[in-house]
Amino acid sequence: MNILFLCTGNSCRSQMAEGWAKTLKGDVFTAWSAGVETHGLNPLAVKVMAEAGVDIADHASKLTTDLPADLEFDYVVTVCGHANENCPYFPARTKVVHVGFDDPPSLAESLTDEEEILDVYRRVRDEIKTFVQGLPDSLS
């Protein structure tokens, strides 16, 4: 089964979800991520995922149009409200599911202490991990 995690900029949450899915559910899904825009890979997302033993450093921020044209998805999971509201069209056989997660960059915007900032990213990382661990049951 193919699963796509879709977010606004494909920089943080969708990248974490792809990393977790490849690590935890690679025997069930072929995981991808993309955005409705591209914002570049968030280095703090890379850092907190590495802390958890998942390397996403070679990921790149991409659009759905950057994915192989013949790629069909069984599931598309929008991980933020903006992506859910601006989700591109997928064939009828694709099940689109919205599971919103907080945006670490927005939550950490007013913080100055690096450890507090990382804790925001870690919390969201762990929430995404819990969701991915429940796949595919968590998609219904």
N, C-alpha and C. Protein backbone atom coordinates (compact mmCIF):
# COMPACT_ATOMS: atom_id res chain seq x y z
N MET A 1 0.84 -1.19 0.00
CA MET A 1 0.00 0.00 0.00
C MET A 1 0.88 1.24 0.00
N ASN A 2 0.45 2.24 -0.73
CA ASN A 2 1.15 3.53 -0.76
C ASN A 2 0.41 4.53 0.10
N ILE A 3 1.16 5.27 0.91
CA ILE A 3 0.58 6.30 1.77
C ILE A 3 1.36 7.59 1.57
N LEU A 4 0.62 8.69 1.46
CA LEU A 4 1.20 10.02 1.32
C LEU A 4 0.82 10.85 2.52
N PHE A 5 1.81 11.48 3.14
CA PHE A 5 1.57 12.44 4.21
C PHE A 5 1.72 13.82 3.60
N LEU A 6 0.66 14.61 3.69
CA LEU A 6 0.60 15.91 3.03
C LEU A 6 0.48 17.02 4.06
N CYS A 7 1.31 18.04 3.89
CA CYS A 7 1.31 19.19 4.78
C CYS A 7 1.48 20.44 3.93
N THR A 8 1.45 21.60 4.55
CA THR A 8 1.59 22.83 3.80
C THR A 8 2.91 22.90 3.06
N GLY A 9 4.02 22.87 3.80
CA GLY A 9 5.32 23.09 3.18
C GLY A 9 6.22 21.89 3.08
N ASN A 10 5.74 20.73 3.53
CA ASN A 10 6.53 19.49 3.52
C ASN A 10 7.90 19.72 4.14
N SER A 11 7.91 20.41 5.27
CA SER A 11 9.18 20.72 5.92
C SER A 11 9.34 20.03 7.27
N CYS A 12 8.24 19.70 7.94
CA CYS A 12 8.35 19.23 9.32
C CYS A 12 7.43 18.03 9.59
N ARG A 13 6.14 18.27 9.79
CA ARG A 13 5.22 17.21 10.22
C ARG A 13 5.11 16.08 9.22
N SER A 14 4.93 16.40 7.95
CA SER A 14 4.80 15.34 6.94
C SER A 14 6.11 14.58 6.78
N GLN A 15 7.23 15.28 6.96
CA GLN A 15 8.54 14.61 6.88
C GLN A 15 8.71 13.65 8.06
N MET A 16 8.30 14.08 9.25
CA MET A 16 8.37 13.20 10.42
C MET A 16 7.49 11.97 10.19
N ALA A 17 6.28 12.19 9.69
CA ALA A 17 5.36 11.07 9.46
C ALA A 17 5.93 10.09 8.44
N GLU A 18 6.52 10.60 7.37
CA GLU A 18 7.13 9.72 6.38
C GLU A 18 8.27 8.91 7.02
N GLY A 19 9.10 9.58 7.80
CA GLY A 19 10.20 8.89 8.47
C GLY A 19 9.72 7.80 9.41
N TRP A 20 8.71 8.12 10.21
CA TRP A 20 8.16 7.12 11.13
C TRP A 20 7.54 5.96 10.35
N ALA A 21 6.79 6.27 9.30
CA ALA A 21 6.12 5.21 8.54
C ALA A 21 7.14 4.27 7.89
N LYS A 22 8.20 4.83 7.36
CA LYS A 22 9.24 3.99 6.75
C LYS A 22 9.91 3.12 7.81
N THR A 23 10.12 3.68 8.99
CA THR A 23 10.81 2.96 10.06
C THR A 23 9.91 1.93 10.74
N LEU A 24 8.68 2.33 11.05
CA LEU A 24 7.80 1.47 11.85
C LEU A 24 6.86 0.61 11.03
N LYS A 25 6.52 1.06 9.84
CA LYS A 25 5.50 0.37 9.05
C LYS A 25 5.96 0.08 7.62
N GLY A 26 7.28 -0.01 7.44
CA GLY A 26 7.82 -0.27 6.11
C GLY A 26 7.39 -1.59 5.51
N ASP A 27 6.93 -2.51 6.36
CA ASP A 27 6.43 -3.79 5.87
C ASP A 27 4.97 -3.71 5.44
N VAL A 28 4.30 -2.61 5.76
CA VAL A 28 2.88 -2.43 5.45
C VAL A 28 2.68 -1.38 4.35
N PHE A 29 3.45 -0.29 4.42
CA PHE A 29 3.27 0.85 3.53
C PHE A 29 4.57 1.23 2.83
N THR A 30 4.43 1.77 1.65
CA THR A 30 5.49 2.55 1.03
C THR A 30 5.08 4.00 1.30
N ALA A 31 5.90 4.70 2.06
CA ALA A 31 5.53 6.03 2.55
C ALA A 31 6.19 7.13 1.72
N TRP A 32 5.42 8.20 1.52
CA TRP A 32 5.85 9.39 0.81
C TRP A 32 5.39 10.60 1.59
N SER A 33 5.98 11.75 1.31
CA SER A 33 5.46 13.00 1.85
C SER A 33 5.60 14.08 0.79
N ALA A 34 4.74 15.07 0.90
CA ALA A 34 4.76 16.20 -0.03
C ALA A 34 4.01 17.36 0.62
N GLY A 35 4.06 18.51 -0.04
CA GLY A 35 3.37 19.69 0.45
C GLY A 35 2.56 20.35 -0.65
N VAL A 36 1.68 21.24 -0.24
CA VAL A 36 0.95 22.05 -1.21
C VAL A 36 1.82 23.24 -1.62
N GLU A 37 2.92 23.43 -0.86
CA GLU A 37 3.99 24.40 -1.16
C GLU A 37 5.28 23.71 -0.74
N THR A 38 6.43 24.31 -1.01
CA THR A 38 7.68 23.77 -0.48
C THR A 38 8.35 24.84 0.37
N HIS A 39 8.80 24.43 1.54
CA HIS A 39 9.44 25.36 2.47
C HIS A 39 10.84 24.91 2.86
N GLY A 40 11.33 23.83 2.28
CA GLY A 40 12.64 23.30 2.67
C GLY A 40 12.51 22.42 3.90
N LEU A 41 13.44 21.52 4.06
CA LEU A 41 13.44 20.60 5.19
C LEU A 41 13.83 21.34 6.47
N ASN A 42 13.02 21.20 7.50
CA ASN A 42 13.24 21.88 8.77
C ASN A 42 14.37 21.18 9.54
N PRO A 43 15.47 21.88 9.83
CA PRO A 43 16.60 21.24 10.51
C PRO A 43 16.28 20.76 11.93
N LEU A 44 15.33 21.41 12.60
CA LEU A 44 14.97 20.95 13.94
C LEU A 44 14.15 19.66 13.88
N ALA A 45 13.37 19.49 12.83
CA ALA A 45 12.67 18.22 12.63
C ALA A 45 13.69 17.10 12.41
N VAL A 46 14.71 17.39 11.61
CA VAL A 46 15.77 16.41 11.37
C VAL A 46 16.45 16.05 12.69
N LYS A 47 16.72 17.05 13.50
CA LYS A 47 17.43 16.85 14.77
C LYS A 47 16.64 15.98 15.74
N VAL A 48 15.35 16.29 15.94
CA VAL A 48 14.58 15.52 16.92
C VAL A 48 14.27 14.11 16.41
N MET A 49 14.15 13.95 15.10
CA MET A 49 13.96 12.60 14.56
C MET A 49 15.23 11.78 14.75
N ALA A 50 16.38 12.40 14.55
CA ALA A 50 17.66 11.70 14.76
C ALA A 50 17.80 11.27 16.22
N GLU A 51 17.34 12.12 17.14
CA GLU A 51 17.36 11.76 18.56
C GLU A 51 16.58 10.48 18.82
N ALA A 52 15.53 10.27 18.03
CA ALA A 52 14.68 9.09 18.18
C ALA A 52 15.16 7.92 17.32
N GLY A 53 16.28 8.11 16.64
CA GLY A 53 16.86 7.04 15.83
C GLY A 53 16.34 6.94 14.42
N VAL A 54 15.69 7.99 13.93
CA VAL A 54 15.16 8.00 12.57
C VAL A 54 15.86 9.10 11.78
N ASP A 55 16.54 8.72 10.72
CA ASP A 55 17.31 9.67 9.91
C ASP A 55 16.47 10.15 8.73
N ILE A 56 16.10 11.43 8.76
CA ILE A 56 15.37 12.02 7.63
C ILE A 56 16.22 13.10 6.95
N ALA A 57 17.51 13.12 7.25
CA ALA A 57 18.39 14.18 6.74
C ALA A 57 18.48 14.20 5.22
N ASP A 58 18.22 13.07 4.56
CA ASP A 58 18.29 13.04 3.10
C ASP A 58 16.95 13.33 2.43
N HIS A 59 15.91 13.62 3.24
CA HIS A 59 14.61 13.98 2.68
C HIS A 59 14.69 15.37 2.04
N ALA A 60 13.78 15.66 1.15
CA ALA A 60 13.70 16.97 0.52
C ALA A 60 12.25 17.43 0.52
N SER A 61 12.05 18.72 0.66
CA SER A 61 10.72 19.31 0.58
C SER A 61 10.26 19.26 -0.87
N LYS A 62 9.06 18.69 -1.10
CA LYS A 62 8.59 18.54 -2.48
C LYS A 62 7.08 18.73 -2.57
N LEU A 63 6.64 18.97 -3.78
CA LEU A 63 5.22 19.10 -4.09
C LEU A 63 4.68 17.74 -4.54
N THR A 64 3.37 17.59 -4.54
CA THR A 64 2.79 16.35 -5.06
C THR A 64 3.16 16.16 -6.53
N THR A 65 3.32 17.25 -7.25
CA THR A 65 3.68 17.16 -8.68
C THR A 65 5.12 16.70 -8.88
N ASP A 66 5.93 16.71 -7.81
CA ASP A 66 7.30 16.21 -7.89
C ASP A 66 7.37 14.69 -7.74
N LEU A 67 6.28 14.08 -7.32
CA LEU A 67 6.24 12.63 -7.15
C LEU A 67 6.02 11.97 -8.51
N PRO A 68 6.38 10.69 -8.64
CA PRO A 68 6.18 10.01 -9.92
C PRO A 68 4.74 10.13 -10.40
N ALA A 69 4.56 10.49 -11.67
CA ALA A 69 3.23 10.75 -12.23
C ALA A 69 2.32 9.53 -12.17
N ASP A 70 2.88 8.34 -12.24
CA ASP A 70 2.07 7.12 -12.25
C ASP A 70 1.84 6.55 -10.85
N LEU A 71 2.29 7.25 -9.83
CA LEU A 71 2.16 6.78 -8.45
C LEU A 71 0.72 6.96 -7.98
N GLU A 72 0.12 5.87 -7.52
CA GLU A 72 -1.23 5.92 -6.98
C GLU A 72 -1.18 5.64 -5.49
N PHE A 73 -1.95 6.40 -4.74
CA PHE A 73 -1.96 6.27 -3.29
C PHE A 73 -3.21 5.55 -2.82
N ASP A 74 -3.02 4.68 -1.84
CA ASP A 74 -4.16 4.06 -1.18
C ASP A 74 -4.72 5.03 -0.14
N TYR A 75 -3.80 5.76 0.51
CA TYR A 75 -4.19 6.73 1.53
C TYR A 75 -3.41 8.02 1.35
N VAL A 76 -4.08 9.14 1.58
CA VAL A 76 -3.44 10.44 1.71
C VAL A 76 -3.86 10.97 3.08
N VAL A 77 -2.86 11.27 3.90
CA VAL A 77 -3.12 11.77 5.25
C VAL A 77 -2.68 13.23 5.30
N THR A 78 -3.64 14.13 5.45
CA THR A 78 -3.28 15.54 5.62
C THR A 78 -2.99 15.74 7.10
N VAL A 79 -1.82 16.32 7.39
CA VAL A 79 -1.39 16.46 8.78
C VAL A 79 -1.49 17.90 9.29
N CYS A 80 -2.07 18.79 8.48
CA CYS A 80 -2.33 20.16 8.93
C CYS A 80 -3.60 20.66 8.26
N GLY A 81 -4.23 21.64 8.89
CA GLY A 81 -5.49 22.17 8.38
C GLY A 81 -5.37 22.79 7.00
N HIS A 82 -4.29 23.53 6.75
CA HIS A 82 -4.12 24.19 5.46
C HIS A 82 -4.03 23.16 4.33
N ALA A 83 -3.29 22.09 4.55
CA ALA A 83 -3.19 21.04 3.52
C ALA A 83 -4.54 20.35 3.34
N ASN A 84 -5.28 20.17 4.42
CA ASN A 84 -6.60 19.55 4.32
C ASN A 84 -7.53 20.42 3.48
N GLU A 85 -7.49 21.73 3.71
CA GLU A 85 -8.35 22.66 2.98
C GLU A 85 -7.92 22.83 1.53
N ASN A 86 -6.64 22.60 1.24
CA ASN A 86 -6.10 22.81 -0.11
C ASN A 86 -5.59 21.51 -0.74
N CYS A 87 -6.13 20.41 -0.27
CA CYS A 87 -5.69 19.11 -0.75
C CYS A 87 -5.99 18.97 -2.24
N PRO A 88 -4.98 18.60 -3.03
CA PRO A 88 -5.24 18.38 -4.44
C PRO A 88 -6.17 17.19 -4.66
N TYR A 89 -6.69 17.09 -5.84
CA TYR A 89 -7.58 15.99 -6.18
C TYR A 89 -6.79 14.70 -6.30
N PHE A 90 -7.34 13.64 -5.74
CA PHE A 90 -6.79 12.30 -5.90
C PHE A 90 -7.90 11.41 -6.44
N PRO A 91 -7.56 10.35 -7.18
CA PRO A 91 -8.59 9.46 -7.71
C PRO A 91 -9.50 8.93 -6.60
N ALA A 92 -10.71 8.57 -6.99
CA ALA A 92 -11.73 8.16 -6.03
C ALA A 92 -11.29 6.98 -5.16
N ARG A 93 -10.43 6.13 -5.66
CA ARG A 93 -10.01 4.96 -4.87
C ARG A 93 -9.09 5.34 -3.71
N THR A 94 -8.53 6.56 -3.76
CA THR A 94 -7.64 7.04 -2.70
C THR A 94 -8.47 7.54 -1.54
N LYS A 95 -8.19 7.01 -0.36
CA LYS A 95 -8.89 7.47 0.83
C LYS A 95 -8.10 8.63 1.43
N VAL A 96 -8.72 9.80 1.53
CA VAL A 96 -8.08 10.98 2.12
C VAL A 96 -8.58 11.11 3.56
N VAL A 97 -7.61 11.18 4.48
CA VAL A 97 -7.91 11.25 5.91
C VAL A 97 -7.19 12.46 6.49
N HIS A 98 -7.89 13.24 7.30
CA HIS A 98 -7.24 14.37 7.96
C HIS A 98 -6.94 14.02 9.41
N VAL A 99 -5.67 14.18 9.79
CA VAL A 99 -5.23 14.00 11.17
C VAL A 99 -4.31 15.17 11.47
N GLY A 100 -4.84 16.20 12.10
CA GLY A 100 -4.06 17.41 12.34
C GLY A 100 -3.10 17.29 13.51
N PHE A 101 -1.91 17.80 13.32
CA PHE A 101 -0.91 17.89 14.37
C PHE A 101 -0.49 19.35 14.50
N ASP A 102 -0.13 19.76 15.71
CA ASP A 102 0.35 21.12 15.94
C ASP A 102 1.58 21.40 15.08
N ASP A 103 1.76 22.66 14.71
CA ASP A 103 2.89 23.08 13.89
C ASP A 103 4.04 23.53 14.79
N PRO A 104 5.09 22.72 14.91
CA PRO A 104 6.19 23.09 15.80
C PRO A 104 6.81 24.46 15.53
N PRO A 105 7.09 24.84 14.27
CA PRO A 105 7.67 26.18 14.06
C PRO A 105 6.77 27.30 14.59
N SER A 106 5.47 27.18 14.40
CA SER A 106 4.56 28.21 14.91
C SER A 106 4.53 28.24 16.43
N LEU A 107 4.47 27.06 17.04
CA LEU A 107 4.42 26.98 18.50
C LEU A 107 5.71 27.49 19.14
N ALA A 108 6.83 27.27 18.48
CA ALA A 108 8.14 27.64 19.04
C ALA A 108 8.56 29.06 18.67
N GLU A 109 7.76 29.73 17.87
CA GLU A 109 8.11 31.05 17.34
C GLU A 109 8.48 32.06 18.42
N SER A 110 7.76 32.05 19.53
CA SER A 110 8.01 33.04 20.58
C SER A 110 9.00 32.56 21.64
N LEU A 111 9.46 31.33 21.51
CA LEU A 111 10.40 30.78 22.49
C LEU A 111 11.83 31.15 22.13
N THR A 112 12.66 31.29 23.14
CA THR A 112 14.08 31.62 22.90
C THR A 112 15.02 30.55 23.42
N ASP A 113 14.57 29.75 24.38
CA ASP A 113 15.41 28.70 24.95
C ASP A 113 15.41 27.50 24.01
N GLU A 114 16.60 27.08 23.59
CA GLU A 114 16.70 25.99 22.61
C GLU A 114 16.05 24.70 23.10
N GLU A 115 16.22 24.40 24.37
CA GLU A 115 15.64 23.15 24.90
C GLU A 115 14.11 23.21 24.89
N GLU A 116 13.54 24.38 25.20
CA GLU A 116 12.08 24.53 25.13
C GLU A 116 11.59 24.38 23.69
N ILE A 117 12.33 24.95 22.76
CA ILE A 117 11.97 24.83 21.34
C ILE A 117 12.01 23.36 20.92
N LEU A 118 13.08 22.68 21.27
CA LEU A 118 13.20 21.26 20.91
C LEU A 118 12.11 20.43 21.56
N ASP A 119 11.70 20.79 22.77
CA ASP A 119 10.63 20.05 23.44
C ASP A 119 9.32 20.13 22.67
N VAL A 120 9.05 21.27 22.04
CA VAL A 120 7.85 21.41 21.20
C VAL A 120 7.94 20.43 20.03
N TYR A 121 9.08 20.40 19.37
CA TYR A 121 9.28 19.48 18.25
C TYR A 121 9.20 18.03 18.72
N ARG A 122 9.77 17.74 19.86
CA ARG A 122 9.74 16.36 20.39
C ARG A 122 8.31 15.91 20.69
N ARG A 123 7.52 16.80 21.26
CA ARG A 123 6.13 16.44 21.57
C ARG A 123 5.37 16.08 20.30
N VAL A 124 5.49 16.91 19.27
CA VAL A 124 4.78 16.64 18.02
C VAL A 124 5.35 15.37 17.37
N ARG A 125 6.67 15.22 17.40
CA ARG A 125 7.30 14.00 16.87
C ARG A 125 6.69 12.76 17.51
N ASP A 126 6.55 12.79 18.83
CA ASP A 126 6.03 11.64 19.56
C ASP A 126 4.54 11.41 19.28
N GLU A 127 3.78 12.48 19.08
CA GLU A 127 2.36 12.34 18.73
C GLU A 127 2.23 11.70 17.35
N ILE A 128 3.08 12.11 16.43
CA ILE A 128 3.05 11.53 15.08
C ILE A 128 3.46 10.06 15.15
N LYS A 129 4.45 9.75 15.95
CA LYS A 129 4.88 8.35 16.11
C LYS A 129 3.72 7.49 16.60
N THR A 130 3.00 7.97 17.60
CA THR A 130 1.87 7.23 18.14
C THR A 130 0.82 6.99 17.06
N PHE A 131 0.53 8.00 16.26
CA PHE A 131 -0.42 7.85 15.17
C PHE A 131 0.06 6.79 14.18
N VAL A 132 1.31 6.88 13.77
CA VAL A 132 1.87 5.95 12.78
C VAL A 132 1.88 4.52 13.33
N GLN A 133 2.18 4.37 14.60
CA GLN A 133 2.17 3.03 15.20
C GLN A 133 0.80 2.38 15.07
N GLY A 134 -0.26 3.18 15.06
CA GLY A 134 -1.62 2.66 14.96
C GLY A 134 -2.09 2.36 13.54
N LEU A 135 -1.24 2.66 12.56
CA LEU A 135 -1.62 2.40 11.16
C LEU A 135 -1.67 0.90 10.89
N PRO A 136 -2.56 0.44 10.06
CA PRO A 136 -3.55 1.17 9.29
C PRO A 136 -4.86 1.41 10.04
N ASP A 137 -4.99 0.84 11.24
CA ASP A 137 -6.26 0.98 11.98
C ASP A 137 -6.64 2.43 12.25
N SER A 138 -5.64 3.30 12.45
CA SER A 138 -5.91 4.70 12.77
C SER A 138 -6.42 5.50 11.57
N LEU A 139 -6.55 4.85 10.42
CA LEU A 139 -7.03 5.55 9.22
C LEU A 139 -8.53 5.43 9.03
N SER A 140 -9.21 4.72 9.90
CA SER A 140 -10.65 4.57 9.70
C SER A 140 -11.44 5.61 10.47
